[in-house]
Amino acid sequence: MPPAEAAPPGLRQLRVLRRARGDRGRALTLVPPSGSLAPERDSIEEALGIRFRDPALWEAALTHRSFAFEQGVEPTNERLEFLGDAVLGLVITDLAYRGFPDLSEGELAKLRAATVNMSILAGVARELGLGEDVLLGKGEELSGGRNKASILADAMEAVLGAIYLDQGIRIASRVIRRLFWPRMQAYARGEGDRDYKTSLQEQAAQDLGRIPEYRVAERGPDHQKEFTATVYLGGKEFGRGVGRSKKEAEQQAAGEALQRLTGGGAPAPAER
C-alpha cells in the first residue's frame, strides 16, 4: 500500500456550519473554508501526536451523513471510513504478527477482530474526544449520536483514513500503534474486549453443566436508554452489567460472571 502524502484530486473543500467545541446549546456559526478549524483541532491533534496539513480532510472525517444531508454539503466521512478501516486492519495485522510470534493463525485472527471491533474503536474515539467534534444532523444530535458507538467508531476510522492521506502510512502506523497496542496487550493477557458471553457459556457448561440466563431491564427515554443485565447460573446471580445497549450490558454482566466463575506488557514491535 503506497503512502499518499496529499489529499487526492477532486476532494472538494467543505463549507459547513459548526458549533464551538463543547458548546452544544448555542447557535451554529459559519466556518469559512479557509482553515479556521485549527483551534478546535488542537487538543485532539495533541493526543494523536500530529498536525493536519489539510484542514479539509479533518473536516470531512468528522462529517456524518445526517449533517451533510441536512446542510447540503459534501463529502461525508464514509469514503474516509472505508479507507481508514483498511489502513487500521493492515497495521493491526502487522502488529499482531510481529508482536505475538507464539500465537497461531486462528489466535491472531481473534486478536485482530477483538482490536478493530466497534466497541474498541468507539472507546478510542471517546478518549480522544471525537464525539464533541462530529458534525451531526438534528435528529442524530437529539438521539444521543455523540455517544453512539457506531458513529464514534466510523469517525475514528475516518480520522485514521484522513491521517493516512494527509501524512502517509508511516505516521498513520505510529498513531495506530500508540492508540491500539495497549489494547492488544490487554487482550493477549485475557483482559479487554472479549466475547464474554461465549466464554461464559463454554465455562459454565464445563464447570457447572449449566447455561447462563440473562435478564435485562431498561430505563430512560428512547433516545437515551440505559440497560441493566443480570446473568444467572442455576438460578443464582453471578454478574451484572450496565450499558447503552442490551448487548453491551450483557457482555459486562458475562465478564463479571466469568471472573467470578474462574476466580479469577511487552513493548510494541519496532517499526520498520
Foldseek 3Di string as FASTA:
>chain_A
DWFAAADDPPLDQWWAWFDQFPPVPDDTDTDDSPPPCVVVCVQLCVVLVHDFPHVSLLLQLQEDVQRCVVTVIDDHLQVLLVQLLVLLLVLLLVQLVVVPVPDDPVVSVQLSCQQLDLVNQLVLLVVSVSLRGRRHHPVCVVLVVSNDSVSSSSSSSSVLSSCRNNHNSVSSSVSSCVRGVVQSFQVVVVHHDDQLQVVLQVLCCVPPVWGKDKDKDWDDDNSQIKIKIWIDTPNHTQFIAIDSDPSRGVSRRSVSSVCVSVVHDDHTDDDD
